Protein backbone atom coordinates (compact mmCIF):
# COMPACT_ATOMS: atom_id res chain seq x y z
CA MET A 1 -9.01 -3.99 -26.88
CA ALA A 2 -7.02 -2.99 -23.81
CA LYS A 3 -6.52 0.67 -23.12
CA SER A 4 -3.85 2.30 -20.98
CA ILE A 5 -5.35 4.55 -18.33
CA TRP A 6 -5.01 8.31 -18.12
CA LEU A 7 -3.07 9.93 -15.33
CA PRO A 8 -3.42 13.58 -14.34
CA ILE A 9 -0.39 15.70 -15.16
CA ILE A 10 0.11 16.54 -11.48
CA SER A 11 0.24 12.82 -10.74
CA LEU A 12 3.06 12.32 -13.21
CA ILE A 13 4.98 15.19 -11.64
CA CYS A 14 4.49 13.70 -8.19
CA ILE A 15 5.59 10.26 -9.37
CA GLU A 16 8.85 11.74 -10.61
CA SER A 17 9.61 13.55 -7.37
CA LEU A 18 8.10 11.16 -4.78
CA GLU A 19 7.72 14.24 -2.60
CA CYS A 20 4.04 14.93 -3.10
CA GLY A 21 1.94 16.96 -0.75
CA CYS A 22 -0.83 18.05 -3.06
CA HIS A 23 -3.62 17.09 -0.69
CA SER A 24 -3.65 15.12 2.53
CA SER A 25 -6.45 13.11 4.06
CA ALA A 26 -5.34 14.31 7.48
CA SER A 27 -7.46 17.09 8.93
CA GLU A 28 -4.99 18.06 11.64
CA GLY A 29 -1.24 18.46 11.98
CA ASN A 30 1.59 19.22 9.62
CA ASP A 31 1.29 17.51 6.23
CA ALA A 32 4.86 18.15 5.14
CA GLY A 33 6.46 15.06 3.70
CA LYS A 34 3.11 13.39 2.99
CA ASN A 35 2.13 11.69 -0.23
CA ASP A 36 -1.33 12.19 -1.67
CA SER A 37 -2.89 9.41 0.38
CA GLY A 38 -2.14 11.47 3.49
CA ARG A 39 0.63 9.14 4.63
CA ASP A 40 4.40 9.60 4.67
CA ALA A 41 5.80 9.18 1.16
CA ALA A 42 8.51 6.99 2.65
CA PRO A 43 6.67 5.07 5.34
CA ASN A 44 8.47 4.03 8.48
CA ASP A 45 7.99 2.23 11.77
CA GLY A 46 5.77 5.05 12.95
CA GLY A 47 7.75 8.10 11.88
CA GLY A 48 10.77 9.59 10.17
CA SER A 49 13.15 7.40 12.12
CA ASP A 50 12.81 4.27 14.18
CA ALA A 51 13.46 6.43 17.20
CA ASP A 52 10.23 8.29 16.44
CA ALA A 53 8.15 5.11 16.41
CA ASN A 54 4.78 5.12 18.13
CA THR A 55 4.79 8.85 18.82
CA ASP A 56 1.68 9.54 16.72
CA ALA A 57 -0.71 7.32 18.64
CA GLY A 58 0.78 8.35 21.96
CA THR A 59 0.59 12.10 21.48
CA GLU A 60 -2.82 12.08 19.74
CA ASP A 61 -4.72 9.79 22.09
CA ALA A 62 -2.95 9.80 25.42
CA GLY A 63 -0.79 12.90 25.53
CA GLU A 64 2.93 13.47 25.46
CA ASP A 65 3.47 11.32 28.58
CA ALA A 66 2.56 8.20 26.58
CA TYR A 67 5.71 8.43 24.45
CA VAL A 68 8.22 5.65 25.04
CA ASP A 69 11.68 5.88 23.53
CA PRO A 70 12.12 2.67 21.49
CA CYS A 71 15.90 2.95 21.94
CA ALA A 72 15.71 3.09 25.74
CA ASP A 73 16.38 -0.61 26.24
CA ALA A 74 17.82 -1.36 22.80
CA SER A 75 21.04 -3.24 22.22
CA PRO A 76 22.88 -4.15 19.01
CA PRO A 77 21.82 -7.45 17.43
CA ASP A 78 24.18 -10.39 17.80
CA CYS A 79 24.84 -10.57 14.06
CA VAL A 80 25.07 -7.63 11.63
CA ARG A 81 26.64 -7.17 8.21
CA TYR A 82 27.17 -3.59 7.00
CA VAL A 83 26.77 -2.25 3.46
CA ASN A 84 27.75 1.18 2.14
CA VAL A 85 28.09 1.93 -1.57
CA ASN A 86 30.30 4.93 -0.78
CA VAL A 87 33.21 3.03 0.80
CA PRO A 88 36.20 1.39 -0.96
CA ASP A 89 36.05 -2.20 -2.19
CA GLY A 90 37.51 -5.03 -0.19
CA GLY A 91 35.68 -4.73 3.13
CA ASP A 92 34.61 -7.71 5.22
CA GLY A 93 31.22 -6.21 6.18
CA LEU A 94 31.84 -6.55 9.93
CA SER A 95 31.72 -2.79 10.66
CA TRP A 96 30.76 0.44 8.97
CA ASN A 97 34.43 1.20 8.36
CA THR A 98 34.88 -2.09 6.52
CA ALA A 99 31.45 -2.31 4.95
CA PHE A 100 30.62 -4.25 1.79
CA ARG A 101 29.72 -2.15 -1.25
CA THR A 102 26.85 -4.32 -2.55
CA VAL A 103 23.70 -5.54 -0.85
CA GLN A 104 24.18 -9.08 -2.15
CA GLU A 105 27.60 -9.35 -0.48
CA GLY A 106 25.97 -8.42 2.80
CA ILE A 107 23.17 -10.97 2.36
CA ASP A 108 25.56 -13.77 1.42
CA SER A 109 27.81 -13.11 4.40
CA ALA A 110 24.84 -12.83 6.78
CA TYR A 111 23.46 -16.14 5.48
CA GLN A 112 26.78 -17.86 6.12
CA ALA A 113 26.52 -16.70 9.73
CA ALA A 114 22.85 -17.65 10.17
CA ASN A 115 22.18 -20.57 7.86
CA PRO A 116 20.41 -23.54 9.49
CA ASP A 117 23.23 -25.94 8.56
CA GLY A 118 26.00 -24.86 10.86
CA GLY A 119 25.60 -21.09 11.19
CA LEU A 120 26.58 -19.52 14.50
CA PHE A 121 23.42 -17.43 14.81
CA ASP A 122 19.67 -17.97 14.48
CA GLU A 123 19.33 -14.82 12.35
CA CYS A 124 21.47 -12.01 10.99
CA ASP A 125 20.78 -8.40 9.91
CA VAL A 126 22.08 -6.52 6.89
CA TRP A 127 22.23 -2.75 7.48
CA VAL A 128 22.40 -0.65 4.31
CA ALA A 129 23.60 2.97 4.26
CA ALA A 130 22.05 5.73 2.15
CA GLY A 131 22.74 5.67 -1.57
CA THR A 132 21.73 4.17 -4.91
CA TYR A 133 22.56 0.50 -5.43
CA TYR A 134 22.48 -0.65 -9.05
CA VAL A 135 21.34 -4.25 -9.29
CA TYR A 136 22.35 -4.67 -12.94
CA ARG A 137 25.91 -6.03 -13.15
CA ASP A 138 26.25 -7.97 -16.41
CA SER A 139 22.77 -9.33 -17.22
CA PRO A 140 19.06 -8.42 -16.91
CA LYS A 141 18.79 -11.64 -14.89
CA ASN A 142 20.82 -10.08 -12.08
CA THR A 143 18.78 -9.80 -8.87
CA ILE A 144 19.15 -9.27 -5.15
CA GLN A 145 18.48 -12.74 -3.75
CA MET A 146 17.03 -12.69 -0.25
CA LYS A 147 17.98 -15.62 1.98
CA LEU A 148 16.64 -17.58 4.92
CA ASN A 149 17.05 -15.98 8.37
CA VAL A 150 18.40 -12.72 6.92
CA SER A 151 16.68 -9.34 7.44
CA ILE A 152 17.68 -6.41 5.21
CA TRP A 153 17.27 -2.92 6.66
CA GLY A 154 17.72 0.43 4.90
CA GLY A 155 17.84 3.98 6.24
CA PHE A 156 21.29 4.28 7.85
CA ASN A 157 23.84 7.08 7.53
CA GLY A 158 26.76 4.72 8.08
CA THR A 159 27.54 5.40 11.74
CA GLU A 160 24.67 3.85 13.73
CA LEU A 161 25.19 1.24 16.41
CA LEU A 162 21.46 0.66 17.01
CA ARG A 163 18.87 -0.13 14.36
CA CYS A 164 16.33 2.11 16.08
CA LYS A 165 18.53 5.12 15.20
CA ARG A 166 18.05 4.73 11.45
CA ASP A 167 16.10 7.35 9.48
CA ILE A 168 14.37 5.97 6.40
CA LYS A 169 13.29 9.33 5.02
CA GLY A 170 16.52 11.12 5.78
CA ASN A 171 18.81 8.32 4.57
CA GLY A 172 17.05 7.01 1.52
CA VAL A 173 18.26 3.74 -0.02
CA ILE A 174 17.36 3.05 -3.65
CA LEU A 175 17.56 -0.39 -5.25
CA GLU A 176 17.83 0.60 -8.91
CA GLY A 177 16.88 -1.70 -11.78
CA ASN A 178 18.26 0.40 -14.63
CA ASN A 179 21.55 -0.43 -16.27
CA PRO A 180 23.45 2.85 -15.80
CA SER A 181 25.37 2.40 -19.05
CA ALA A 182 22.73 0.99 -21.42
CA ASN A 183 19.01 1.10 -22.11
CA GLU A 184 18.29 -2.10 -20.23
CA ARG A 185 16.73 -3.12 -16.92
CA VAL A 186 16.85 -6.16 -14.67
CA TYR A 187 13.83 -8.45 -14.76
CA HIS A 188 13.38 -8.71 -10.98
CA ILE A 189 15.18 -6.29 -8.67
CA VAL A 190 14.61 -8.51 -5.61
CA THR A 191 13.87 -12.23 -5.33
CA GLY A 192 12.16 -13.19 -2.08
CA SER A 193 12.84 -15.97 0.41
CA ASP A 194 11.00 -17.60 3.31
CA ASP A 195 11.83 -16.41 6.83
CA SER A 196 13.36 -13.19 5.57
CA SER A 197 12.43 -9.52 5.51
CA ILE A 198 13.21 -6.31 3.67
CA ASP A 199 12.47 -2.94 5.26
CA GLY A 200 13.20 0.68 4.38
CA PHE A 201 13.99 0.89 0.64
CA THR A 202 12.81 2.36 -2.63
CA ILE A 203 12.63 -0.28 -5.37
CA GLN A 204 12.39 1.21 -8.84
CA HIS A 205 12.74 0.55 -12.57
CA GLY A 206 12.43 -3.23 -12.61
CA SER A 207 11.04 -4.55 -15.90
CA SER A 208 9.93 -8.16 -15.96
CA GLN A 209 8.00 -8.34 -19.23
CA SER A 210 10.93 -9.72 -21.23
CA ASP A 211 11.79 -12.47 -18.75
CA ASP A 212 11.32 -15.89 -20.30
CA TRP A 213 10.85 -17.42 -16.82
CA ILE A 214 8.17 -15.29 -15.12
CA SER A 215 7.08 -12.08 -16.81
CA THR A 216 5.71 -10.38 -13.69
CA GLY A 217 7.29 -8.88 -10.61
CA GLY A 218 9.68 -6.20 -11.82
CA GLY A 219 10.22 -5.00 -8.26
CA ILE A 220 10.13 -8.28 -6.34
CA ILE A 221 9.27 -11.87 -7.27
CA ASN A 222 8.12 -14.31 -4.57
CA TYR A 223 7.98 -17.78 -6.10
CA TYR A 224 6.95 -20.35 -3.48
CA GLN A 225 8.52 -17.97 -0.96
CA SER A 226 6.89 -15.73 1.67
CA PRO A 227 9.06 -12.81 2.82
CA ARG A 228 7.98 -9.88 4.98
CA VAL A 229 8.06 -6.60 3.04
CA SER A 230 7.76 -3.39 5.07
CA ASN A 231 8.33 0.33 4.57
CA VAL A 232 9.19 -0.07 0.90
CA ILE A 233 8.30 2.30 -1.93
CA PHE A 234 7.75 0.49 -5.24
CA THR A 235 7.76 2.94 -8.13
CA LYS A 236 8.03 2.88 -11.92
CA ASN A 237 8.30 -0.91 -12.14
CA SER A 238 6.71 -2.61 -15.12
CA ASN A 239 4.63 -5.74 -15.55
CA VAL A 240 3.57 -5.50 -11.90
CA ALA A 241 5.81 -4.34 -9.07
CA MET A 242 5.34 -7.42 -6.86
CA ALA A 243 4.46 -10.94 -8.03
CA ASN A 244 3.44 -13.68 -5.59
CA TYR A 245 3.24 -17.29 -6.73
CA HIS A 246 2.14 -19.78 -4.05
CA SER A 247 3.17 -17.21 -1.49
CA ASN A 248 1.94 -15.96 1.88
CA ALA A 249 3.94 -12.75 1.73
CA GLU A 250 3.21 -9.99 4.25
CA VAL A 251 3.14 -6.40 2.98
CA THR A 252 3.15 -3.67 5.64
CA SER A 253 3.40 0.13 5.38
CA CYS A 254 4.45 0.10 1.74
CA SER A 255 3.67 2.48 -1.12
CA PHE A 256 3.05 1.38 -4.71
CA ILE A 257 3.35 4.53 -6.82
CA GLY A 258 3.12 4.82 -10.59
CA ASN A 259 3.83 1.20 -11.47
CA TRP A 260 2.52 -0.80 -14.39
CA GLY A 261 0.43 -2.79 -11.92
CA GLY A 262 0.99 -3.03 -8.18
CA ILE A 263 0.67 -6.64 -6.92
CA TYR A 264 -0.06 -9.90 -8.74
CA ASN A 265 -1.21 -12.90 -6.69
CA ASN A 266 -1.31 -16.43 -8.09
CA GLN A 267 -2.39 -19.23 -5.73
CA SER A 268 -1.37 -16.96 -2.88
CA ILE A 269 -2.87 -15.62 0.34
CA VAL A 270 -1.32 -12.21 0.94
CA VAL A 271 -1.85 -9.88 3.90
CA ILE A 272 -1.56 -6.18 2.99
CA THR A 273 -1.64 -3.66 5.85
CA ASN A 274 -1.38 0.14 6.06
CA SER A 275 -0.21 0.50 2.47
CA ASP A 276 -0.96 2.97 -0.33
CA PHE A 277 -1.61 2.31 -4.02
CA LEU A 278 -1.35 5.52 -6.02
CA TRP A 279 -1.59 6.02 -9.80
CA ASN A 280 -0.82 2.45 -10.80
CA GLY A 281 -1.95 1.67 -14.33
CA ASP A 282 -3.19 -1.29 -16.36
CA GLY A 283 -2.30 -4.11 -13.94
CA TYR A 284 -2.15 -7.72 -15.14
CA LEU A 285 -2.73 -8.56 -18.80
CA TYR A 286 -5.10 -11.54 -19.13
CA GLY A 287 -6.04 -12.21 -22.74
CA ASP A 288 -6.74 -8.85 -24.34
CA TRP A 289 -7.63 -6.99 -21.13
CA TYR A 290 -5.86 -5.49 -18.16
CA TYR A 291 -7.18 -6.36 -14.70
CA GLY A 292 -6.52 -4.77 -11.33
CA GLY A 293 -4.45 -1.60 -11.64
CA ALA A 294 -3.27 -1.95 -8.02
CA ILE A 295 -3.87 -5.63 -7.19
CA TYR A 296 -4.77 -8.63 -9.34
CA GLY A 297 -5.32 -12.22 -8.36
CA GLY A 298 -6.51 -14.44 -5.58
CA ASP A 299 -7.14 -14.33 -1.85
CA ALA A 300 -6.01 -11.30 0.12
CA ARG A 301 -6.63 -9.58 3.43
CA ILE A 302 -6.45 -5.81 3.07
CA GLN A 303 -6.38 -3.60 6.16
CA GLY A 304 -5.90 0.15 6.47
CA CYS A 305 -5.02 0.74 2.82
CA VAL A 306 -5.63 3.63 0.39
CA PHE A 307 -6.31 3.08 -3.32
CA LEU A 308 -6.19 6.36 -5.24
CA GLU A 309 -6.44 6.95 -9.01
CA ASN A 310 -5.50 3.47 -10.17
CA GLY A 311 -6.85 2.21 -13.48
CA ALA A 312 -7.30 -0.80 -15.75
CA ASP A 313 -9.85 -2.30 -18.14
CA TYR A 314 -11.49 -4.30 -15.34
CA GLY A 315 -11.08 -3.41 -11.67
CA GLY A 316 -9.38 -0.03 -11.45
CA ALA A 317 -7.92 -0.84 -8.03
CA ILE A 318 -8.50 -4.61 -7.66
CA GLY A 319 -9.42 -7.33 -10.13
CA GLY A 320 -9.47 -11.11 -10.06
CA ALA A 321 -11.14 -13.99 -8.25
CA GLY A 322 -11.12 -15.62 -4.83
CA THR A 323 -11.86 -14.19 -1.39
CA LEU A 324 -11.17 -10.59 -0.39
CA ASN A 325 -11.46 -9.33 3.18
CA ILE A 326 -11.21 -5.54 3.33
CA SER A 327 -11.33 -3.29 6.40
CA ASN A 328 -10.53 0.32 7.27
CA SER A 329 -9.66 1.12 3.66
CA VAL A 330 -10.37 3.84 1.11
CA PHE A 331 -11.01 3.56 -2.64
CA ALA A 332 -11.17 6.94 -4.36
CA TYR A 333 -11.13 8.11 -8.00
CA ASN A 334 -10.17 4.74 -9.45
CA SER A 335 -11.27 4.29 -13.07
CA VAL A 336 -11.87 1.55 -15.64
CA VAL A 337 -12.83 1.13 -19.27
CA GLU A 338 -15.15 -1.87 -18.84
CA ASN A 339 -16.51 -2.42 -15.31
CA GLY A 340 -15.63 -2.24 -11.64
CA GLY A 341 -14.28 1.26 -11.13
CA ALA A 342 -12.77 0.22 -7.81
CA ILE A 343 -13.15 -3.58 -7.83
CA SER A 344 -14.07 -6.17 -10.47
CA TRP A 345 -14.31 -9.58 -8.82
CA ASN A 346 -15.40 -13.17 -9.27
CA GLY A 347 -15.82 -14.56 -5.78
CA THR A 348 -16.50 -13.30 -2.26
CA ILE A 349 -15.79 -9.84 -0.90
CA ASN A 350 -16.33 -8.95 2.75
CA ILE A 351 -15.94 -5.26 3.58
CA VAL A 352 -15.92 -3.49 6.96
CA ASN A 353 -15.61 0.24 7.74
CA SER A 354 -14.37 1.34 4.34
CA VAL A 355 -15.10 4.16 1.89
CA PHE A 356 -15.74 3.92 -1.87
CA ALA A 357 -15.95 7.45 -3.30
CA GLY A 358 -15.69 8.94 -6.78
CA ASN A 359 -14.80 5.71 -8.60
CA GLN A 360 -16.08 5.32 -12.14
CA VAL A 361 -16.55 3.37 -15.35
CA GLU A 362 -15.48 5.59 -18.23
CA ILE A 363 -17.76 6.30 -21.17
CA ASN A 364 -16.45 4.99 -24.49
CA SER A 365 -18.48 7.03 -26.96
CA PRO A 366 -20.91 6.17 -28.43
CA GLN A 367 -21.35 3.46 -25.78
CA THR A 368 -23.13 4.03 -22.52
CA PRO A 369 -21.12 3.26 -19.38
CA LYS A 370 -21.23 -0.25 -18.05
CA PRO A 371 -22.36 -0.84 -14.46
CA GLY A 372 -20.35 -1.11 -11.29
CA GLY A 373 -18.69 2.23 -10.65
CA GLY A 374 -17.75 1.02 -7.18
CA ILE A 375 -17.84 -2.79 -7.37
CA ALA A 376 -18.72 -5.14 -10.24
CA GLY A 377 -19.21 -8.86 -9.79
CA GLY A 378 -18.87 -11.06 -6.76
CA THR A 379 -21.02 -11.28 -3.67
CA GLY A 380 -20.56 -10.85 0.06
CA LEU A 381 -21.29 -8.83 3.19
CA ILE A 382 -20.61 -5.12 3.67
CA TYR A 383 -20.67 -3.53 7.13
CA ASN A 384 -20.27 0.06 8.34
CA SER A 385 -19.13 1.41 4.97
CA ILE A 386 -19.75 4.46 2.78
CA PHE A 387 -20.49 4.34 -0.97
CA TRP A 388 -20.70 7.87 -2.35
CA ASN A 389 -20.59 9.51 -5.79
CA ASN A 390 -19.49 6.46 -7.77
CA PHE A 391 -20.45 6.45 -11.48
CA PRO A 392 -22.69 5.25 -13.01
CA GLU A 393 -23.77 3.42 -9.84
CA ASP A 394 -22.22 2.15 -6.64
CA ILE A 395 -22.45 -1.56 -7.16
CA GLU A 396 -23.44 -3.97 -9.92
CA THR A 397 -24.35 -7.23 -8.19
CA HIS A 398 -26.24 -7.82 -4.99
CA TYR A 399 -24.33 -7.57 -1.74
CA THR A 400 -25.87 -7.55 1.71
CA PHE A 401 -25.29 -4.20 3.38
CA TYR A 402 -25.49 -3.54 7.11
CA ASN A 403 -25.20 -0.15 8.85
CA SER A 404 -23.89 1.45 5.68
CA LEU A 405 -24.41 4.62 3.67
CA ILE A 406 -25.50 3.73 0.14
CA CYS A 407 -27.95 5.55 -2.12
CA GLN A 408 -28.49 2.89 -4.77
CA SER A 409 -32.18 2.08 -4.34
CA ASP A 410 -31.97 -1.68 -4.86
CA GLN A 411 -29.35 -1.95 -2.11
CA ILE A 412 -31.03 0.08 0.63
CA ASP A 413 -32.60 -2.07 3.33
CA GLU A 414 -33.66 -0.02 6.32
CA LEU A 415 -34.20 -3.19 8.34
CA LYS A 416 -30.43 -3.59 8.20
CA GLU A 417 -29.96 0.06 9.27
CA ASN A 418 -28.64 1.31 5.95
CA PHE A 419 -29.26 4.93 5.00
CA CYS A 420 -28.86 7.45 2.17
CA GLU A 421 -27.65 10.88 3.23
CA ASP A 422 -24.76 13.20 2.49
CA PRO A 423 -21.90 11.69 4.54
CA MET A 424 -20.62 15.21 5.32
CA PHE A 425 -16.97 14.61 4.59
CA VAL A 426 -14.58 17.42 5.44
CA GLY A 427 -13.50 17.46 1.78
CA THR A 428 -15.53 17.32 -1.43
CA VAL A 429 -15.78 14.14 -3.49
CA LEU A 430 -16.22 15.09 -7.13
CA LYS A 431 -19.04 13.25 -8.90
CA PRO A 432 -17.64 11.41 -11.95
CA ASN A 433 -19.57 11.56 -15.21
CA GLY A 434 -17.78 8.93 -17.27
CA TRP A 435 -15.03 11.23 -18.51
CA PRO A 436 -11.62 11.91 -16.95
CA LEU A 437 -12.02 14.14 -13.92
CA PRO A 438 -10.11 17.43 -13.57
CA LEU A 439 -8.23 16.07 -10.56
CA ASP A 440 -5.13 17.49 -8.93
CA GLY A 441 -3.78 14.11 -7.90
CA GLY A 442 -4.85 14.24 -4.25
CA LEU A 443 -7.15 12.32 -1.94
CA PRO A 444 -10.17 14.27 -0.72
CA ASP A 445 -10.40 14.66 3.04
CA LEU A 446 -12.73 11.82 4.04
CA HIS A 447 -12.84 12.61 7.73
CA LEU A 448 -16.36 13.23 9.03
CA ARG A 449 -17.61 16.69 9.90
CA GLU A 450 -19.54 17.48 13.03
CA GLY A 451 -23.16 16.45 12.52
CA SER A 452 -22.38 13.72 9.98
CA PRO A 453 -25.10 11.05 9.82
CA CYS A 454 -22.30 8.45 9.90
CA ILE A 455 -21.33 9.23 13.50
CA ASP A 456 -22.22 6.41 15.92
CA LYS A 457 -24.16 4.53 13.21
CA ALA A 458 -21.85 1.51 12.86
CA ASP A 459 -22.37 -1.96 14.23
CA ASP A 460 -19.84 -1.97 17.08
CA SER A 461 -19.61 -5.76 17.03
CA LYS A 462 -18.21 -5.68 13.47
CA ALA A 463 -16.06 -2.54 13.61
CA PRO A 464 -12.28 -2.81 14.04
CA ALA A 465 -10.99 -1.51 17.36
CA THR A 466 -9.15 1.35 15.63
CA ASP A 467 -9.69 3.34 12.44
CA ILE A 468 -7.46 3.71 9.37
CA GLU A 469 -5.22 6.17 11.25
CA GLY A 470 -4.94 3.98 14.35
CA HIS A 471 -7.32 6.05 16.48
CA VAL A 472 -9.38 4.02 18.92
CA ARG A 473 -13.09 3.87 18.09
CA VAL A 474 -14.65 5.24 21.30
CA ASP A 475 -17.88 6.93 22.28
CA ILE A 476 -17.53 10.71 22.47
CA PRO A 477 -19.79 12.15 25.18
CA GLY A 478 -22.36 14.55 23.79
CA VAL A 479 -21.81 13.50 20.18
CA GLY A 480 -24.09 11.13 18.27
CA THR A 481 -25.88 8.28 20.03
CA PRO A 482 -24.95 7.85 23.71
CA GLY A 483 -23.16 4.57 24.33
CA ALA A 484 -22.45 3.87 20.65
CA LYS A 485 -18.76 3.75 19.75
CA ALA A 486 -17.97 3.24 16.10
CA ASP A 487 -18.70 5.52 13.15
CA VAL A 488 -19.50 4.42 9.62
CA GLY A 489 -16.51 4.68 7.25
CA ALA A 490 -12.77 4.40 7.58
CA TYR A 491 -12.20 7.50 9.72
CA GLU A 492 -13.58 7.83 13.26
CA TYR A 493 -14.92 11.31 13.99
CA ARG A 494 -12.62 13.31 16.26
CA PRO A 495 -13.84 16.73 17.35
CA LYS A 496 -11.30 19.52 17.17
CA GLU A 497 -10.03 20.62 20.53
């Protein structure tokens, strides 16, 4: 029988506010405005506004002189339609002063200007000013229909002339699935399209389980369509926030927070980059069991992602079948009832420079816990990764490990330069025991301390050029093995100045 997962009280509070800062994975700098993965709660093109883009990498690695103003050579796009819920009806959408009031009006007008059958432009933007936009008009089937050659951008205050001046965090735009006058929600807040993008929104309260067409994808449904989805927060959507059917959707810098399942993939190959999956529960219902609290389904490439405190019956963070390629990612404190605390999989998993810490299979008294606290099922190759304090064991089936920290005796092969030592994280990873942990909803600091056995122990030929935070993996003179560059795990060691 399926069981809904537990969520710590602090997690529920953070889900409501979306302004969490309980713990950050970052060991340096100001954590204000961070969610509990250590990233910005409302991700952006590198900062609070587009004008701040690329400042982090420049100031951290090359000094202040590396900063380049992204607006320096910017010019307005040839085609823009403006949307502002706070203006009077009747606008033509051609300026902020005459903006449309609904997002769909903006999309429809932009498509007329950029459609491939006689449009004047190759593409057209829709700029959306701060506010809450209710998708429900007269039916739960109401949706925001994306269209070919149209890009939808949020984060404006209603005066900007350049897109790079928008501020996603300061000018939040909510696409709301609730009916404001009745206890009813739309089935799919957004419906995707090929050659289109959506960037800079919060999508919340979609509820697809009652749809007699497709009962997944309360936030966005991509049916034989492959949009680009960036800088979007999906929260409190039910029956999975994003559903991909025969789709090659691209997901970049998004946050999936407190949904009834994060992403569902069916006959799809999805690329997910620099995104966070926090406190998503249950996932996809298959038969009597829930699979993949954060992601369920087929092939995916996952890069630079954080999976924290997700849960299901099988695969607390990820469940399903196919081929997974994972790099520079973190799986922490995910939990299941049956097996695969972090991942339950039927197929191939290839993992590079990632961390699996504190994931568990819960004890259902009087049963003993089933295996696979970190990973259950599947097979594949694992390079430069850390498996630490997963319960009751790190991994159920045999994977081939290289240059990795793992203490499960049947997986240690010194000929492949694996080792079992305390990784010496900056933070403490609690050791699960099969029962809900007394967590505070935050990610432990998984940066490496000075003297960590993981420093310079990776196979440089397999390691990504940068770590999960975008820092270049370089040899640090006087630290670790001379000439070696990459460290084991998702975070490259960076000595404090």
